[in-house]
Amino acid sequence: MSRFSWQAVVAGVGGQGVLFVTRVLAGAARRKTKRVLISEVHGMAQRGGSVVSHLKAGPFFSPLVSPGQAQTLFSLDAGEAVRNLSFLAPGGSMIVNAPDTSYLSGQALAALYAHQVQTLVLDASAMARDAGAPKAANVVLLAAAAEAGALPFGREEIWSVLDESTPPARRALNRKLFDMVACDNLAAL
């Protein structure tokens, strides 16, 4: 296995699937390195409370990501993206479930641009709702992140882990959700 090294923070609120997304990302990372560390829950895991998960893959000894060190900030909630911006490293990727960038101030947008952060904003909640699966925004956002190249894993790597992690009764729906995301409906800042 290669010297793969990656740090990520996954944020959202209870009920959005933060832990599921973290497990899918960790599964993809395990295919690149044997050492994957996860700190699964920080905050209120109850529905509606803040949930943050840290993930490190590679030669690390602690699962917690230090401020300014995450190559990826994956947020299922715009407010949680703002709260966890301090973890993001310059040149990193930020993937956010939001209708647009209005959740960011002009100063925040300027800072993201100055730090060359690849920012992907997608209304994954609306897409999942329109597909008849309102609680599956996490699957849509995973597909979008992989499609846009915002993760160190390709689309099929993410799909393979997602498929293995999904109960058989949900596989067809998850495939439908995963396939609705294409480059032509993704907008990066």
C-alpha atoms as a PDB file:
ATOM      1  CA  MET A   1       0.000   0.000   0.000  1.00  0.00           C
ATOM      2  CA  SER A   2       1.135   3.500  -0.765  1.00  0.00           C
ATOM      3  CA  ARG A   3       1.953   6.300   1.652  1.00  0.00           C
ATOM      4  CA  PHE A   4      -1.593   7.634   1.425  1.00  0.00           C
ATOM      5  CA  SER A   5      -2.245  10.463   3.880  1.00  0.00           C
ATOM      6  CA  TRP A   6      -5.539  12.308   4.282  1.00  0.00           C
ATOM      7  CA  GLN A   7      -7.390  14.234   6.995  1.00  0.00           C
ATOM      8  CA  ALA A   8     -11.082  15.104   6.867  1.00  0.00           C
ATOM      9  CA  VAL A   9     -13.813  16.597   9.007  1.00  0.00           C
ATOM     10  CA  VAL A  10     -17.430  15.581   8.405  1.00  0.00           C
ATOM     11  CA  ALA A  11     -20.029  17.897   9.934  1.00  0.00           C
ATOM     12  CA  GLY A  12     -23.779  18.176  10.135  1.00  0.00           C
ATOM     13  CA  VAL A  13     -26.627  17.833  12.563  1.00  0.00           C
ATOM     14  CA  GLY A  14     -28.115  14.730  14.134  1.00  0.00           C
ATOM     15  CA  GLY A  15     -30.192  12.685  11.719  1.00  0.00           C
ATOM     16  CA  GLN A  16     -28.336  13.734   8.545  1.00  0.00           C
ATOM     17  CA  GLY A  17     -26.031  10.722   8.370  1.00  0.00           C
ATOM     18  CA  VAL A  18     -22.710  12.245   9.439  1.00  0.00           C
ATOM     19  CA  LEU A  19     -21.532   8.930  10.856  1.00  0.00           C
ATOM     20  CA  PHE A  20     -22.659   7.032   7.751  1.00  0.00           C
ATOM     21  CA  VAL A  21     -20.707   9.426   5.496  1.00  0.00           C
ATOM     22  CA  THR A  22     -17.663   9.068   7.762  1.00  0.00           C
ATOM     23  CA  ARG A  23     -17.846   5.278   7.548  1.00  0.00           C
ATOM     24  CA  VAL A  24     -18.115   5.368   3.746  1.00  0.00           C
ATOM     25  CA  LEU A  25     -15.116   7.714   3.493  1.00  0.00           C
ATOM     26  CA  ALA A  26     -13.177   5.553   5.970  1.00  0.00           C
ATOM     27  CA  GLY A  27     -14.014   2.450   3.915  1.00  0.00           C
ATOM     28  CA  ALA A  28     -12.630   4.100   0.785  1.00  0.00           C
ATOM     29  CA  ALA A  29      -9.523   5.198   2.703  1.00  0.00           C
ATOM     30  CA  ARG A  30      -8.967   1.636   3.976  1.00  0.00           C
ATOM     31  CA  ARG A  31      -8.524   0.562   0.378  1.00  0.00           C
ATOM     32  CA  LYS A  32      -5.532   2.924   0.141  1.00  0.00           C
ATOM     33  CA  THR A  33      -3.930   2.453   3.565  1.00  0.00           C
ATOM     34  CA  LYS A  34      -4.246   0.079   6.494  1.00  0.00           C
ATOM     35  CA  ARG A  35      -4.254   2.841   9.089  1.00  0.00           C
ATOM     36  CA  VAL A  36      -7.539   4.730   9.369  1.00  0.00           C
ATOM     37  CA  LEU A  37      -8.518   6.558  12.554  1.00  0.00           C
ATOM     38  CA  ILE A  38     -11.969   7.944  13.300  1.00  0.00           C
ATOM     39  CA  SER A  39     -13.279  10.034  16.137  1.00  0.00           C
ATOM     40  CA  GLU A  40     -16.939   9.437  15.519  1.00  0.00           C
ATOM     41  CA  VAL A  41     -18.912  11.911  17.548  1.00  0.00           C
ATOM     42  CA  HIS A  42     -18.271  15.354  18.939  1.00  0.00           C
ATOM     43  CA  GLY A  43     -21.335  17.258  20.014  1.00  0.00           C
ATOM     44  CA  MET A  44     -24.965  16.337  20.318  1.00  0.00           C
ATOM     45  CA  ALA A  45     -25.792  13.207  18.357  1.00  0.00           C
ATOM     46  CA  GLN A  46     -29.501  13.687  18.946  1.00  0.00           C
ATOM     47  CA  ARG A  47     -31.663  14.741  16.019  1.00  0.00           C
ATOM     48  CA  GLY A  48     -30.984  18.394  15.277  1.00  0.00           C
ATOM     49  CA  GLY A  49     -27.844  18.717  17.425  1.00  0.00           C
ATOM     50  CA  SER A  50     -24.390  19.445  16.026  1.00  0.00           C
ATOM     51  CA  VAL A  51     -22.361  16.364  15.022  1.00  0.00           C
ATOM     52  CA  VAL A  52     -18.718  16.450  13.914  1.00  0.00           C
ATOM     53  CA  SER A  53     -16.611  13.468  12.970  1.00  0.00           C
ATOM     54  CA  HIS A  54     -12.851  13.460  12.376  1.00  0.00           C
ATOM     55  CA  LEU A  55     -11.108  11.024  10.050  1.00  0.00           C
ATOM     56  CA  LYS A  56      -7.406  10.460   9.444  1.00  0.00           C
ATOM     57  CA  ALA A  57      -5.919   7.965   7.017  1.00  0.00           C
ATOM     58  CA  GLY A  58      -2.211   7.282   6.963  1.00  0.00           C
ATOM     59  CA  PRO A  59       0.655   7.628   9.438  1.00  0.00           C
ATOM     60  CA  PHE A  60      -1.231   9.337  12.272  1.00  0.00           C
ATOM     61  CA  PHE A  61      -1.481   8.475  15.954  1.00  0.00           C
ATOM     62  CA  SER A  62      -4.473  10.553  17.046  1.00  0.00           C
ATOM     63  CA  PRO A  63      -7.869  10.654  15.321  1.00  0.00           C
ATOM     64  CA  LEU A  64      -8.490  14.340  16.007  1.00  0.00           C
ATOM     65  CA  VAL A  65      -7.785  16.764  13.173  1.00  0.00           C
ATOM     66  CA  SER A  66      -5.990  19.936  14.245  1.00  0.00           C
ATOM     67  CA  PRO A  67      -7.214  23.328  13.033  1.00  0.00           C
ATOM     68  CA  GLY A  68      -5.901  24.126   9.569  1.00  0.00           C
ATOM     69  CA  GLN A  69      -5.023  20.503   8.757  1.00  0.00           C
ATOM     70  CA  ALA A  70      -8.104  18.949   7.090  1.00  0.00           C
ATOM     71  CA  GLN A  71      -7.731  18.425   3.375  1.00  0.00           C
ATOM     72  CA  THR A  72     -11.501  17.937   3.220  1.00  0.00           C
ATOM     73  CA  LEU A  73     -14.419  19.544   5.028  1.00  0.00           C
ATOM     74  CA  PHE A  74     -17.585  17.639   4.146  1.00  0.00           C
ATOM     75  CA  SER A  75     -20.659  19.319   5.565  1.00  0.00           C
ATOM     76  CA  LEU A  76     -24.267  18.187   5.396  1.00  0.00           C
ATOM     77  CA  ASP A  77     -25.366  21.528   6.870  1.00  0.00           C
ATOM     78  CA  ALA A  78     -24.305  25.045   5.839  1.00  0.00           C
ATOM     79  CA  GLY A  79     -24.176  26.325   9.418  1.00  0.00           C
ATOM     80  CA  GLU A  80     -21.941  23.444  10.454  1.00  0.00           C
ATOM     81  CA  ALA A  81     -19.657  24.185   7.492  1.00  0.00           C
ATOM     82  CA  VAL A  82     -19.138  27.711   8.822  1.00  0.00           C
ATOM     83  CA  ARG A  83     -18.577  26.464  12.385  1.00  0.00           C
ATOM     84  CA  ASN A  84     -15.915  24.005  11.210  1.00  0.00           C
ATOM     85  CA  LEU A  85     -14.073  26.153   8.647  1.00  0.00           C
ATOM     86  CA  SER A  86     -11.120  26.512  11.005  1.00  0.00           C
ATOM     87  CA  PHE A  87     -10.226  22.847  10.428  1.00  0.00           C
ATOM     88  CA  LEU A  88      -9.776  23.312   6.670  1.00  0.00           C
ATOM     89  CA  ALA A  89      -6.240  23.537   5.292  1.00  0.00           C
ATOM     90  CA  PRO A  90      -5.297  25.999   2.552  1.00  0.00           C
ATOM     91  CA  GLY A  91      -5.741  24.260  -0.789  1.00  0.00           C
ATOM     92  CA  GLY A  92      -8.282  21.835   0.677  1.00  0.00           C
ATOM     93  CA  SER A  93     -11.757  20.914  -0.510  1.00  0.00           C
ATOM     94  CA  MET A  94     -15.034  22.003   1.074  1.00  0.00           C
ATOM     95  CA  ILE A  95     -18.206  20.150   0.106  1.00  0.00           C
ATOM     96  CA  VAL A  96     -21.415  21.694   1.440  1.00  0.00           C
ATOM     97  CA  ASN A  97     -25.103  20.818   1.258  1.00  0.00           C
ATOM     98  CA  ALA A  98     -26.639  24.246   0.590  1.00  0.00           C
ATOM     99  CA  PRO A  99     -28.768  25.882  -2.111  1.00  0.00           C
ATOM    100  CA  ASP A 100     -26.114  28.560  -2.731  1.00  0.00           C
ATOM    101  CA  THR A 101     -23.263  30.401  -1.022  1.00  0.00           C
ATOM    102  CA  SER A 102     -25.456  32.925   0.824  1.00  0.00           C
ATOM    103  CA  TYR A 103     -24.525  31.223   4.110  1.00  0.00           C
ATOM    104  CA  LEU A 104     -20.992  32.619   3.662  1.00  0.00           C
ATOM    105  CA  SER A 105     -20.069  36.242   4.242  1.00  0.00           C
ATOM    106  CA  GLY A 106     -18.155  38.157   1.594  1.00  0.00           C
ATOM    107  CA  GLN A 107     -15.118  37.985   3.855  1.00  0.00           C
ATOM    108  CA  ALA A 108     -15.409  34.189   4.133  1.00  0.00           C
ATOM    109  CA  LEU A 109     -15.739  33.830   0.354  1.00  0.00           C
ATOM    110  CA  ALA A 110     -12.668  36.023  -0.144  1.00  0.00           C
ATOM    111  CA  ALA A 111     -10.704  33.932   2.375  1.00  0.00           C
ATOM    112  CA  LEU A 112     -11.682  30.672   0.654  1.00  0.00           C
ATOM    113  CA  TYR A 113     -10.582  32.118  -2.673  1.00  0.00           C
ATOM    114  CA  ALA A 114      -7.318  33.463  -1.218  1.00  0.00           C
ATOM    115  CA  HIS A 115      -6.544  30.073   0.352  1.00  0.00           C
ATOM    116  CA  GLN A 116      -7.359  28.281  -2.916  1.00  0.00           C
ATOM    117  CA  VAL A 117     -10.038  26.122  -1.338  1.00  0.00           C
ATOM    118  CA  GLN A 118     -11.978  24.033  -3.842  1.00  0.00           C
ATOM    119  CA  THR A 119     -15.570  24.683  -2.794  1.00  0.00           C
ATOM    120  CA  LEU A 120     -18.497  22.601  -3.985  1.00  0.00           C
ATOM    121  CA  VAL A 121     -21.981  23.749  -2.998  1.00  0.00           C
ATOM    122  CA  LEU A 122     -24.950  21.582  -3.946  1.00  0.00           C
ATOM    123  CA  ASP A 123     -28.539  21.524  -2.723  1.00  0.00           C
ATOM    124  CA  ALA A 124     -28.355  17.799  -2.042  1.00  0.00           C
ATOM    125  CA  SER A 125     -31.391  18.014   0.258  1.00  0.00           C
ATOM    126  CA  ALA A 126     -33.597  19.306  -2.567  1.00  0.00           C
ATOM    127  CA  MET A 127     -32.247  16.707  -4.992  1.00  0.00           C
ATOM    128  CA  ALA A 128     -32.904  13.874  -2.527  1.00  0.00           C
ATOM    129  CA  ARG A 129     -36.362  15.240  -1.724  1.00  0.00           C
ATOM    130  CA  ASP A 130     -37.216  15.493  -5.444  1.00  0.00           C
ATOM    131  CA  ALA A 131     -36.134  11.870  -5.872  1.00  0.00           C
ATOM    132  CA  GLY A 132     -38.493  10.783  -3.097  1.00  0.00           C
ATOM    133  CA  ALA A 133     -35.775  10.132  -0.512  1.00  0.00           C
ATOM    134  CA  PRO A 134     -35.607  13.270   1.681  1.00  0.00           C
ATOM    135  CA  LYS A 135     -33.216  11.698   4.202  1.00  0.00           C
ATOM    136  CA  ALA A 136     -30.663  10.676   1.563  1.00  0.00           C
ATOM    137  CA  ALA A 137     -28.924  14.010   0.967  1.00  0.00           C
ATOM    138  CA  ASN A 138     -25.766  12.363   2.325  1.00  0.00           C
ATOM    139  CA  VAL A 139     -25.701   9.899  -0.598  1.00  0.00           C
ATOM    140  CA  VAL A 140     -26.253  12.709  -3.126  1.00  0.00           C
ATOM    141  CA  LEU A 141     -23.470  14.797  -1.587  1.00  0.00           C
ATOM    142  CA  LEU A 142     -21.056  11.831  -1.557  1.00  0.00           C
ATOM    143  CA  ALA A 143     -21.743  11.278  -5.264  1.00  0.00           C
ATOM    144  CA  ALA A 144     -21.270  14.985  -6.019  1.00  0.00           C
ATOM    145  CA  ALA A 145     -17.986  15.147  -4.118  1.00  0.00           C
ATOM    146  CA  ALA A 146     -16.633  12.092  -5.936  1.00  0.00           C
ATOM    147  CA  GLU A 147     -17.889  13.331  -9.318  1.00  0.00           C
ATOM    148  CA  ALA A 148     -16.275  16.752  -8.835  1.00  0.00           C
ATOM    149  CA  GLY A 149     -12.912  15.282  -7.810  1.00  0.00           C
ATOM    150  CA  ALA A 150     -13.188  16.876  -4.358  1.00  0.00           C
ATOM    151  CA  LEU A 151     -12.210  13.629  -2.611  1.00  0.00           C
ATOM    152  CA  PRO A 152      -9.061  11.526  -2.900  1.00  0.00           C
ATOM    153  CA  PHE A 153     -11.306   8.715  -4.183  1.00  0.00           C
ATOM    154  CA  GLY A 154     -13.007   8.264  -7.514  1.00  0.00           C
ATOM    155  CA  ARG A 155     -16.705   7.890  -8.125  1.00  0.00           C
ATOM    156  CA  GLU A 156     -16.582   4.102  -8.430  1.00  0.00           C
ATOM    157  CA  GLU A 157     -14.476   3.740  -5.279  1.00  0.00           C
ATOM    158  CA  ILE A 158     -17.087   5.669  -3.304  1.00  0.00           C
ATOM    159  CA  TRP A 159     -19.947   3.763  -4.931  1.00  0.00           C
ATOM    160  CA  SER A 160     -18.326   0.396  -4.140  1.00  0.00           C
ATOM    161  CA  VAL A 161     -18.027   1.208  -0.426  1.00  0.00           C
ATOM    162  CA  LEU A 162     -21.482   2.794  -0.347  1.00  0.00           C
ATOM    163  CA  ASP A 163     -23.006  -0.267  -2.012  1.00  0.00           C
ATOM    164  CA  GLU A 164     -21.319  -2.609   0.481  1.00  0.00           C
ATOM    165  CA  SER A 165     -22.547  -0.428   3.388  1.00  0.00           C
ATOM    166  CA  THR A 166     -26.152  -0.296   2.241  1.00  0.00           C
ATOM    167  CA  PRO A 167     -28.868  -2.763   3.253  1.00  0.00           C
ATOM    168  CA  PRO A 168     -30.149  -4.678   0.193  1.00  0.00           C
ATOM    169  CA  ALA A 169     -33.568  -2.990   0.357  1.00  0.00           C
ATOM    170  CA  ARG A 170     -31.972   0.469  -0.178  1.00  0.00           C
ATOM    171  CA  ARG A 171     -29.387  -0.392  -2.850  1.00  0.00           C
ATOM    172  CA  ALA A 172     -31.561   0.434  -5.874  1.00  0.00           C
ATOM    173  CA  LEU A 173     -32.591   3.780  -4.382  1.00  0.00           C
ATOM    174  CA  ASN A 174     -29.004   4.660  -3.467  1.00  0.00           C
ATOM    175  CA  ARG A 175     -27.861   3.809  -6.995  1.00  0.00           C
ATOM    176  CA  LYS A 176     -30.589   6.062  -8.406  1.00  0.00           C
ATOM    177  CA  LEU A 177     -29.515   8.901  -6.102  1.00  0.00           C
ATOM    178  CA  PHE A 178     -25.846   8.348  -6.861  1.00  0.00           C
ATOM    179  CA  ASP A 179     -26.455   8.360 -10.617  1.00  0.00           C
ATOM    180  CA  MET A 180     -28.525  11.584 -10.602  1.00  0.00           C
ATOM    181  CA  VAL A 181     -25.371  13.566  -9.895  1.00  0.00           C
ATOM    182  CA  ALA A 182     -23.438  14.448 -13.014  1.00  0.00           C
ATOM    183  CA  CYS A 183     -20.780  17.069 -13.768  1.00  0.00           C
ATOM    184  CA  ASP A 184     -23.265  19.257 -15.634  1.00  0.00           C
ATOM    185  CA  ASN A 185     -25.315  19.954 -12.480  1.00  0.00           C
ATOM    186  CA  LEU A 186     -22.354  20.686 -10.232  1.00  0.00           C
ATOM    187  CA  ALA A 187     -21.146  24.217  -9.589  1.00  0.00           C
ATOM    188  CA  ALA A 188     -17.857  24.872  -7.859  1.00  0.00           C
ATOM    189  CA  LEU A 189     -16.741  28.296  -6.616  1.00  0.00           C
END
